Amino acid sequence: MIETLKSELQAAVGPENVIDEGDTLETLSKDFYWYSPVLKRQLDDKRADAIVRPGSLDELRRVVAACTRAKIPVVPRGAGTGNYGQCVPLYGGVVIDFARLDRIVSIQDGVVRAEAGARIGAIEAAARPLGWEMRCMPSTWVKSTIGGFFCGGSGGVGSITWGGINAPSNVKSVTILTCEEEPRLIRLEEADSLKALHTYGTTGFMVEVEMRLAPKVDYQQLILSSPDWDRLLAWTNAASRRVDWRKRLVTQFEWPIPSYFKPLAKHLRDGDSITFLLVDQAQVPEVIADAAAAGVDCVYNKPLSDPPKPPFLTDYTWNHTTLWAIKAEPSMTYIQAGFGANYAEQFAELRRRFPGEILFHLEFVAGNSKMMKREAVLNDPDSVVVGGIPLIFFKSEERLNEIIAACAEIGVFVANPHTVKLEEGGRHPNIAEKRAFKAEVDPQALLNPGKMATYPVNPFVGGAVTV
């Protein structure tokens, strides 16, 4: 069956765009799941039977139709920069790589329209000369695709002002190709698009997206430093809520996390906790003066070039922080957390229960319950929440689960990055709607099977893989 299918796929996209062996097959079957020692154990031996790279919507239709007729698992893939095994096939089958479906169709009236495989870095570079920029993007923005971000991500750089991808009005539309023998296009607009966002490709093939952009700001990259964590935290929290400061990033790191950032070592002071800020260049003197008045020093002050060129402080934030930590301390892993208004007390309690096991990396974002209700978060200081990606010195899976359980006990929300199951990896208040949409677009339950754990049908259970 699989050999017959491969011949069909080669006829659809050309033999050079069907990969069924070697290192490339291995690489394109994986993402950065190995950030988690739990997922590393579960997923190391998983790979596709073939990778297919369609170069047009017509080729994609033919590929999807052939895979559906063959009744095999199908998994869409962006750039593979995710960390949760979203694009790792649990049951073999075909991984469809969207790398060749990368056109930026238009940037007009503050909206980008692009194929799902378009790199976010390319969109940002194209938008800025026109006076626009991405509202939010992952720290992997140089390489990641917009479709991959919509399917597997949630927020990132820019979320301090605009919230995540599910925040009001950020996503204008997504166009989905169904997984059927005669694939159909379905366009979801505005709030209706939520049922296809952050679903790991279980709810159809995202082929085109429209996202609203933000007016371009010329940013300065700042590092603020203090040996006193609490002093720095008080200033950073206040800075995150200054709606008059035009910001794209507010991130705080507990020492020794800054010591993992080797390329920045000459700018950093031993023992100091640090905060990263991307702020409007015109407001830098005011920001630095405000920090100084609070006893916080600026130790790094460089513009973000336009068009964007390295170095990027964003390369050390969000889950890039975890990567730098793992390079320095291979036993390190992480959780993804949302803290409450009593965040300082929550930090203290976690330190008391797990001394020396947790290092705090905080990301300040516009978000609270207003976002879940699709209400405005822009220019609302009360909408800012303290989230983050704390680093964990991994001892065992049992100890990791104990830490996650302790977080829940004291009111810290954890989007568990140590599971491939969609429902356990984030908030899904509309999961029933997502299941219903999957039933509509994937009637044979072939799309990324095993990832939507509450979906009642998985035709591959009892096959080669269970997790």
Protein backbone atom coordinates (compact mmCIF):
# COMPACT_ATOMS: atom_id res chain seq x y z
CA MET A 1 0.00 0.00 0.00
CA ILE A 2 2.68 2.54 1.03
CA GLU A 3 4.79 1.81 -2.08
CA THR A 4 1.79 2.36 -4.35
CA LEU A 5 1.04 5.58 -2.51
CA LYS A 6 4.62 6.80 -2.91
CA SER A 7 4.31 6.37 -6.67
CA GLU A 8 1.15 8.49 -6.63
CA LEU A 9 2.84 11.14 -4.54
CA GLN A 10 5.85 11.28 -6.85
CA ALA A 11 3.53 11.74 -9.80
CA ALA A 12 1.80 14.58 -7.97
CA VAL A 13 4.83 16.61 -6.81
CA GLY A 14 7.85 15.15 -8.63
CA PRO A 15 10.19 12.44 -7.31
CA GLU A 16 12.59 15.02 -5.87
CA ASN A 17 9.83 16.23 -3.52
CA VAL A 18 9.10 12.84 -1.96
CA ILE A 19 11.62 11.77 0.69
CA ASP A 20 11.45 8.26 2.09
CA GLU A 21 14.86 7.58 3.58
CA GLY A 22 17.99 9.05 5.09
CA ASP A 23 18.76 11.95 7.40
CA THR A 24 16.26 14.27 5.73
CA LEU A 25 13.41 11.87 6.48
CA GLU A 26 14.55 11.77 10.10
CA THR A 27 14.90 15.54 10.39
CA LEU A 28 11.57 16.37 8.79
CA SER A 29 9.79 13.84 11.01
CA LYS A 30 10.83 15.77 14.13
CA ASP A 31 10.64 19.12 15.89
CA PHE A 32 12.25 20.35 19.12
CA TYR A 33 10.32 17.87 21.29
CA TRP A 34 13.63 16.92 22.97
CA TYR A 35 13.39 20.04 25.16
CA SER A 36 11.26 17.64 27.22
CA PRO A 37 12.99 14.51 28.56
CA VAL A 38 9.53 12.94 28.75
CA LEU A 39 8.79 13.53 25.06
CA LYS A 40 12.33 12.57 24.11
CA ARG A 41 11.71 9.12 25.56
CA GLN A 42 8.32 8.84 23.88
CA LEU A 43 9.13 10.23 20.44
CA ASP A 44 12.76 9.49 19.62
CA ASP A 45 11.88 6.47 17.47
CA LYS A 46 8.92 8.02 15.65
CA ARG A 47 9.22 8.99 12.00
CA ALA A 48 7.17 9.21 8.84
CA ASP A 49 7.15 6.68 6.03
CA ALA A 50 7.51 9.59 3.62
CA ILE A 51 7.85 13.36 3.54
CA VAL A 52 6.05 15.18 0.72
CA ARG A 53 6.70 18.78 -0.35
CA PRO A 54 3.89 20.14 -2.54
CA GLY A 55 4.59 23.40 -4.34
CA SER A 56 1.07 24.56 -5.15
CA LEU A 57 -2.47 24.24 -3.88
CA ASP A 58 -3.26 21.87 -6.73
CA GLU A 59 -0.34 19.61 -5.78
CA LEU A 60 -1.45 19.70 -2.14
CA ARG A 61 -4.97 18.67 -3.15
CA ARG A 62 -3.62 15.71 -5.09
CA VAL A 63 -1.40 14.65 -2.18
CA VAL A 64 -4.20 14.89 0.38
CA ALA A 65 -6.62 13.01 -1.88
CA ALA A 66 -4.11 10.19 -2.42
CA CYS A 67 -3.35 9.88 1.31
CA THR A 68 -7.07 9.88 2.14
CA ARG A 69 -7.77 7.11 -0.37
CA ALA A 70 -4.93 5.10 1.17
CA LYS A 71 -6.35 5.74 4.67
CA ILE A 72 -2.98 6.51 6.21
CA PRO A 73 -2.02 9.06 8.86
CA VAL A 74 -1.20 12.53 7.54
CA VAL A 75 0.64 15.21 9.52
CA PRO A 76 1.22 18.81 8.33
CA ARG A 77 4.59 20.43 9.08
CA GLY A 78 5.77 24.04 9.13
CA ALA A 79 9.41 24.75 9.96
CA GLY A 80 9.53 22.28 12.86
CA THR A 81 10.47 24.95 15.42
CA GLY A 82 7.78 23.82 17.88
CA ASN A 83 8.62 22.04 21.12
CA TYR A 84 5.74 19.66 21.81
CA GLY A 85 5.99 17.00 19.11
CA GLN A 86 3.14 18.66 17.15
CA CYS A 87 4.52 17.53 13.79
CA VAL A 88 5.99 14.20 14.93
CA PRO A 89 3.91 11.38 13.41
CA LEU A 90 2.86 8.90 16.09
CA TYR A 91 1.79 6.24 13.61
CA GLY A 92 4.05 6.75 10.61
CA GLY A 93 2.35 7.71 7.38
CA VAL A 94 3.01 10.91 5.45
CA VAL A 95 4.28 14.25 6.74
CA ILE A 96 3.35 17.10 4.40
CA ASP A 97 6.04 19.79 4.54
CA PHE A 98 4.71 23.25 3.65
CA ALA A 99 8.15 24.75 2.94
CA ARG A 100 7.36 25.33 -0.76
CA LEU A 101 3.95 26.89 -0.07
CA ASP A 102 5.55 30.10 1.12
CA ARG A 103 4.14 33.01 -0.91
CA ILE A 104 3.36 36.31 0.74
CA VAL A 105 0.26 37.12 -1.31
CA SER A 106 -0.21 40.70 -0.13
CA ILE A 107 0.42 43.23 2.60
CA GLN A 108 -2.31 45.82 2.36
CA ASP A 109 -4.33 48.02 4.71
CA GLY A 110 -2.58 46.59 7.75
CA VAL A 111 -3.26 42.94 6.88
CA VAL A 112 -0.83 40.29 5.66
CA ARG A 113 -2.22 37.52 3.49
CA ALA A 114 0.15 34.61 3.02
CA GLU A 115 0.43 30.93 2.31
CA ALA A 116 0.86 28.86 5.44
CA GLY A 117 4.52 28.06 4.69
CA ALA A 118 5.58 31.72 4.54
CA ARG A 119 8.36 32.47 7.00
CA ILE A 120 7.46 35.00 9.66
CA GLY A 121 10.91 36.56 9.24
CA ALA A 122 10.15 37.15 5.57
CA ILE A 123 6.76 38.67 6.43
CA GLU A 124 8.35 41.00 8.99
CA ALA A 125 11.03 42.06 6.51
CA ALA A 126 8.40 42.76 3.84
CA ALA A 127 6.01 44.56 6.17
CA ARG A 128 8.35 47.03 7.86
CA PRO A 129 9.21 49.07 4.72
CA LEU A 130 5.45 49.48 4.24
CA GLY A 131 5.01 50.83 7.78
CA TRP A 132 3.81 47.63 9.46
CA GLU A 133 5.08 44.81 11.68
CA MET A 134 3.82 41.53 13.08
CA ARG A 135 1.54 41.93 16.09
CA CYS A 136 2.93 38.84 17.77
CA MET A 137 5.43 36.20 16.74
CA PRO A 138 7.49 33.43 18.35
CA SER A 139 11.12 33.88 19.34
CA THR A 140 11.88 31.58 16.39
CA TRP A 141 10.36 34.19 14.06
CA VAL A 142 13.32 34.22 11.67
CA LYS A 143 12.67 30.59 10.67
CA SER A 144 9.15 29.71 11.76
CA THR A 145 6.18 29.67 9.39
CA ILE A 146 2.99 31.56 9.96
CA GLY A 147 0.89 28.41 9.52
CA GLY A 148 3.03 26.53 12.01
CA PHE A 149 2.70 29.41 14.46
CA PHE A 150 -1.08 29.45 14.11
CA CYS A 151 -1.35 25.66 14.45
CA GLY A 152 1.09 25.13 17.30
CA GLY A 153 1.91 28.47 18.90
CA SER A 154 0.03 30.84 21.13
CA GLY A 155 1.94 34.10 21.61
CA GLY A 156 5.39 35.58 21.86
CA VAL A 157 7.21 38.75 20.89
CA GLY A 158 4.62 41.53 20.70
CA SER A 159 2.18 39.86 23.08
CA ILE A 160 2.89 42.47 25.75
CA THR A 161 0.86 44.88 23.61
CA TRP A 162 -1.31 42.76 21.32
CA GLY A 163 -1.84 39.52 23.23
CA GLY A 164 -1.49 36.14 21.57
CA ILE A 165 -2.80 34.86 18.26
CA ASN A 166 -6.22 34.24 19.83
CA ALA A 167 -6.55 37.81 21.10
CA PRO A 168 -9.33 39.97 19.66
CA SER A 169 -8.94 40.76 15.94
CA ASN A 170 -5.35 39.51 15.57
CA VAL A 171 -6.30 36.76 13.10
CA LYS A 172 -8.55 37.94 10.27
CA SER A 173 -9.04 34.60 8.53
CA VAL A 174 -7.65 31.14 7.89
CA THR A 175 -8.37 28.97 4.87
CA ILE A 176 -8.47 25.24 5.50
CA LEU A 177 -8.18 22.35 3.04
CA THR A 178 -10.16 19.34 4.24
CA CYS A 179 -8.73 15.84 4.53
CA GLU A 180 -11.07 14.05 2.12
CA GLU A 181 -10.87 12.14 -1.14
CA GLU A 182 -12.16 15.31 -2.78
CA PRO A 183 -10.60 18.02 -0.58
CA ARG A 184 -12.59 21.23 -0.08
CA LEU A 185 -11.53 24.72 0.90
CA ILE A 186 -13.19 26.25 3.98
CA ARG A 187 -12.56 29.86 4.96
CA LEU A 188 -12.95 30.78 8.63
CA GLU A 189 -13.15 34.47 9.46
CA GLU A 190 -12.53 36.47 12.63
CA ALA A 191 -13.61 34.69 15.83
CA ASP A 192 -14.67 31.62 13.85
CA SER A 193 -10.98 31.00 13.10
CA LEU A 194 -10.38 30.09 16.76
CA LYS A 195 -11.56 26.54 16.17
CA ALA A 196 -8.57 25.98 13.85
CA LEU A 197 -5.92 27.81 15.92
CA HIS A 198 -3.51 25.88 18.15
CA THR A 199 -4.87 22.50 17.08
CA TYR A 200 -1.59 20.84 15.97
CA GLY A 201 -2.94 20.35 12.45
CA THR A 202 -5.71 18.04 13.61
CA THR A 203 -8.44 20.25 12.09
CA GLY A 204 -7.44 20.50 8.46
CA PHE A 205 -4.55 21.77 6.38
CA MET A 206 -4.09 25.50 6.89
CA VAL A 207 -3.25 26.75 3.38
CA GLU A 208 -3.66 30.52 3.65
CA VAL A 209 -3.86 32.97 6.53
CA GLU A 210 -4.65 36.61 7.07
CA MET A 211 -3.29 38.37 10.15
CA ARG A 212 -3.69 41.99 11.13
CA LEU A 213 -0.44 43.86 11.52
CA ALA A 214 0.63 46.62 13.90
CA PRO A 215 1.98 50.04 12.92
CA LYS A 216 5.76 49.81 12.71
CA VAL A 217 7.79 51.05 15.66
CA ASP A 218 11.54 51.70 15.63
CA TYR A 219 12.69 49.71 18.65
CA GLN A 220 15.62 49.93 21.01
CA GLN A 221 16.88 46.76 22.69
CA LEU A 222 17.55 47.32 26.40
CA ILE A 223 18.90 45.12 29.18
CA LEU A 224 18.17 46.33 32.70
CA SER A 225 20.13 44.79 35.58
CA SER A 226 19.97 44.51 39.36
CA PRO A 227 21.38 42.15 42.01
CA ASP A 228 18.00 42.45 43.79
CA TRP A 229 15.38 40.21 42.12
CA ASP A 230 12.47 41.79 43.97
CA ARG A 231 13.57 45.35 43.16
CA LEU A 232 13.91 44.44 39.48
CA LEU A 233 10.58 42.60 39.51
CA ALA A 234 8.75 45.60 40.94
CA TRP A 235 10.18 47.87 38.25
CA THR A 236 9.60 45.37 35.42
CA ASN A 237 6.00 44.77 36.44
CA ALA A 238 5.36 48.52 36.55
CA ALA A 239 7.08 48.98 33.18
CA SER A 240 4.93 46.24 31.63
CA ARG A 241 1.81 48.24 32.58
CA ARG A 242 3.00 51.58 31.22
CA VAL A 243 0.59 51.91 28.32
CA ASP A 244 2.33 55.13 27.24
CA TRP A 245 5.53 53.15 26.52
CA ARG A 246 5.35 51.47 23.11
CA LYS A 247 6.74 48.01 23.83
CA ARG A 248 7.24 44.72 22.01
CA LEU A 249 8.91 42.66 24.73
CA VAL A 250 9.14 42.60 28.53
CA THR A 251 11.08 39.60 29.87
CA GLN A 252 12.78 39.00 33.24
CA PHE A 253 15.37 36.36 34.13
CA GLU A 254 16.55 35.16 37.50
CA TRP A 255 20.29 34.61 37.97
CA PRO A 256 21.96 32.27 36.92
CA ILE A 257 19.85 32.19 33.73
CA PRO A 258 21.75 35.22 32.31
CA SER A 259 24.98 33.23 32.63
CA TYR A 260 23.66 30.84 29.97
CA PHE A 261 23.59 33.65 27.39
CA LYS A 262 27.24 33.32 26.39
CA PRO A 263 27.20 35.83 23.48
CA LEU A 264 25.93 38.51 25.89
CA ALA A 265 28.42 37.77 28.66
CA LYS A 266 30.47 40.97 28.25
CA HIS A 267 27.35 43.07 28.87
CA LEU A 268 26.10 41.21 31.96
CA ARG A 269 27.09 41.33 35.63
CA ASP A 270 27.69 38.19 37.67
CA GLY A 271 24.89 37.55 40.11
CA ASP A 272 22.44 40.07 38.62
CA SER A 273 18.95 39.29 37.46
CA ILE A 274 18.07 41.05 34.21
CA THR A 275 15.12 42.36 32.24
CA PHE A 276 14.92 42.67 28.45
CA LEU A 277 12.87 45.43 26.89
CA LEU A 278 12.05 46.27 23.29
CA VAL A 279 10.75 49.82 23.45
CA ASP A 280 10.25 52.77 21.10
CA GLN A 281 13.60 54.46 20.48
CA ALA A 282 12.07 57.86 21.18
CA GLN A 283 11.18 56.77 24.71
CA VAL A 284 14.53 55.27 25.71
CA PRO A 285 15.82 58.24 27.79
CA GLU A 286 12.60 58.22 29.81
CA VAL A 287 12.74 54.44 30.34
CA ILE A 288 16.38 54.47 31.45
CA ALA A 289 15.79 57.40 33.78
CA ASP A 290 12.76 55.68 35.30
CA ALA A 291 14.80 52.52 35.88
CA ALA A 292 17.67 54.47 37.43
CA ALA A 293 15.28 56.18 39.83
CA ALA A 294 14.20 52.71 40.96
CA GLY A 295 17.82 51.58 41.45
CA VAL A 296 17.93 49.52 38.24
CA ASP A 297 20.82 49.94 35.79
CA CYS A 298 20.79 49.81 31.99
CA VAL A 299 23.71 47.62 30.84
CA TYR A 300 22.82 47.17 27.15
CA ASN A 301 21.32 49.75 24.81
CA LYS A 302 21.26 49.02 21.08
CA PRO A 303 18.80 49.71 18.28
CA LEU A 304 16.95 46.94 16.50
CA SER A 305 18.06 47.47 12.93
CA ASP A 306 15.59 48.11 10.14
CA PRO A 307 15.41 45.90 8.14
CA PRO A 308 15.93 43.48 11.03
CA LYS A 309 19.46 42.08 11.33
CA PRO A 310 21.14 40.28 14.27
CA PRO A 311 21.85 40.55 17.11
CA PHE A 312 18.31 40.05 18.38
CA LEU A 313 17.56 40.02 22.11
CA THR A 314 14.48 38.03 21.16
CA ASP A 315 16.84 35.11 20.48
CA TYR A 316 17.14 34.71 24.26
CA THR A 317 13.47 34.99 25.17
CA TRP A 318 10.39 32.79 25.24
CA ASN A 319 11.46 29.20 24.53
CA HIS A 320 14.82 30.28 23.16
CA THR A 321 15.70 30.76 26.84
CA THR A 322 15.18 27.03 27.38
CA LEU A 323 17.47 26.20 24.47
CA TRP A 324 20.31 28.32 25.91
CA ALA A 325 19.77 26.68 29.30
CA ILE A 326 19.88 23.15 27.88
CA LYS A 327 23.13 23.99 26.07
CA ALA A 328 24.67 25.00 29.39
CA GLU A 329 22.91 22.46 31.63
CA PRO A 330 21.79 19.36 29.69
CA SER A 331 19.63 18.21 32.62
CA MET A 332 17.47 21.34 32.31
CA THR A 333 13.87 21.34 31.12
CA TYR A 334 10.91 23.69 31.58
CA ILE A 335 7.24 24.32 32.18
CA GLN A 336 4.94 27.00 30.75
CA ALA A 337 3.16 28.92 33.46
CA GLY A 338 0.61 31.66 34.02
CA PHE A 339 0.82 33.28 37.46
CA GLY A 340 -1.88 35.08 39.39
CA ALA A 341 -2.09 38.58 40.82
CA ASN A 342 -0.27 37.12 43.84
CA TYR A 343 2.66 36.04 41.66
CA ALA A 344 5.30 37.06 44.22
CA GLU A 345 3.75 34.78 46.84
CA GLN A 346 3.52 31.98 44.26
CA PHE A 347 7.23 32.35 43.44
CA ALA A 348 8.09 32.18 47.14
CA GLU A 349 5.96 29.09 47.71
CA LEU A 350 7.50 27.23 44.76
CA ARG A 351 10.98 28.14 45.98
CA ARG A 352 10.07 26.86 49.46
CA ARG A 353 8.74 23.54 48.15
CA PHE A 354 11.39 22.95 45.50
CA PRO A 355 14.58 24.71 46.66
CA GLY A 356 17.20 24.93 43.94
CA GLU A 357 15.02 23.13 41.37
CA ILE A 358 13.25 26.06 39.67
CA LEU A 359 14.70 29.16 37.99
CA PHE A 360 12.23 31.89 37.08
CA HIS A 361 11.99 33.19 33.53
CA LEU A 362 9.04 35.56 33.21
CA GLU A 363 7.22 36.86 30.13
CA PHE A 364 4.76 39.71 30.61
CA VAL A 365 1.79 39.60 28.24
CA ALA A 366 -1.54 41.29 27.61
CA GLY A 367 -3.99 38.58 28.40
CA ASN A 368 -6.27 37.81 31.38
CA SER A 369 -9.88 36.73 31.07
CA LYS A 370 -10.73 39.56 28.70
CA MET A 371 -8.81 37.79 25.95
CA MET A 372 -10.82 34.63 26.45
CA LYS A 373 -13.97 36.73 25.98
CA ARG A 374 -12.54 38.37 22.84
CA GLU A 375 -12.52 41.76 24.55
CA ALA A 376 -9.97 44.51 23.93
CA VAL A 377 -6.65 44.22 25.72
CA LEU A 378 -4.73 47.03 24.00
CA ASN A 379 -3.78 49.94 26.26
CA ASP A 380 -5.29 48.30 29.34
CA PRO A 381 -2.76 48.00 32.18
CA ASP A 382 -5.08 45.65 34.05
CA SER A 383 -4.90 43.15 31.19
CA VAL A 384 -1.19 42.43 31.73
CA VAL A 385 -0.47 39.05 33.26
CA VAL A 386 2.77 37.59 34.54
CA GLY A 387 3.47 34.44 32.59
CA GLY A 388 6.67 32.67 31.88
CA ILE A 389 8.68 29.60 31.09
CA PRO A 390 10.40 28.62 34.36
CA LEU A 391 13.39 26.35 34.01
CA ILE A 392 13.41 23.06 35.90
CA PHE A 393 16.43 20.96 36.89
CA PHE A 394 15.04 17.61 35.78
CA LYS A 395 15.33 14.77 38.29
CA SER A 396 12.60 12.40 37.20
CA GLU A 397 9.24 12.40 35.47
CA GLU A 398 7.59 11.83 38.84
CA ARG A 399 9.29 14.89 40.34
CA LEU A 400 8.34 16.97 37.30
CA ASN A 401 4.70 15.95 37.72
CA GLU A 402 4.94 16.85 41.40
CA ILE A 403 6.06 20.36 40.47
CA ILE A 404 3.21 20.71 37.95
CA ALA A 405 0.71 19.48 40.54
CA ALA A 406 2.06 21.94 43.13
CA CYS A 407 1.61 24.76 40.63
CA ALA A 408 -2.03 23.83 40.12
CA GLU A 409 -2.54 23.60 43.87
CA ILE A 410 -1.43 27.21 44.45
CA GLY A 411 -3.27 28.65 41.44
CA VAL A 412 -0.49 28.66 38.83
CA PHE A 413 -1.79 27.59 35.42
CA VAL A 414 0.55 25.22 33.57
CA ALA A 415 0.35 24.53 29.84
CA ASN A 416 2.15 21.22 30.05
CA PRO A 417 4.91 20.98 27.40
CA HIS A 418 5.65 17.36 28.31
CA THR A 419 2.70 15.83 26.47
CA VAL A 420 1.72 15.54 22.80
CA LYS A 421 -1.95 15.74 23.76
CA LEU A 422 -3.53 18.98 22.68
CA GLU A 423 -5.89 19.31 25.64
CA GLU A 424 -3.09 18.98 28.20
CA GLY A 425 -0.81 21.50 26.51
CA GLY A 426 -2.86 24.68 26.86
CA ARG A 427 -6.23 26.30 27.41
CA HIS A 428 -9.00 25.05 25.09
CA PRO A 429 -12.32 26.42 26.33
CA ASN A 430 -13.69 25.70 22.84
CA ILE A 431 -12.47 22.11 22.60
CA ALA A 432 -15.98 20.82 21.81
CA GLU A 433 -16.11 23.19 18.83
CA LYS A 434 -12.67 21.99 17.72
CA ARG A 435 -13.78 18.37 17.89
CA ALA A 436 -16.87 19.15 15.85
CA PHE A 437 -14.80 20.96 13.24
CA LYS A 438 -12.39 18.01 13.02
CA ALA A 439 -15.32 15.70 12.38
CA GLU A 440 -16.38 17.96 9.51
CA VAL A 441 -12.99 18.31 7.81
CA ASP A 442 -11.39 14.95 8.67
CA PRO A 443 -14.17 12.35 8.51
CA GLN A 444 -11.75 9.39 8.55
CA ALA A 445 -9.70 10.80 11.49
CA LEU A 446 -6.45 10.67 9.53
CA LEU A 447 -5.04 14.06 10.56
CA ASN A 448 -2.28 13.90 13.17
CA PRO A 449 -3.96 11.03 15.01
CA GLY A 450 -3.35 10.74 18.74
CA LYS A 451 -2.83 14.46 19.31
CA MET A 452 -6.47 15.46 20.05
CA ALA A 453 -6.90 13.08 22.96
CA THR A 454 -10.60 13.69 23.52
CA TYR A 455 -11.55 13.01 19.91
CA PRO A 456 -13.54 9.76 20.04
CA VAL A 457 -12.06 8.14 16.92
CA ASN A 458 -8.50 6.98 16.27
CA PRO A 459 -8.32 4.28 13.61
CA PHE A 460 -4.63 3.63 14.38
CA VAL A 461 -4.92 2.64 18.02
CA GLY A 462 -3.39 -0.78 18.41
CA GLY A 463 -1.00 -0.09 15.56
CA ALA A 464 2.70 0.57 15.77
CA VAL A 465 2.65 3.34 18.36
CA THR A 466 0.93 4.39 21.55
CA VAL A 467 1.93 7.24 23.83
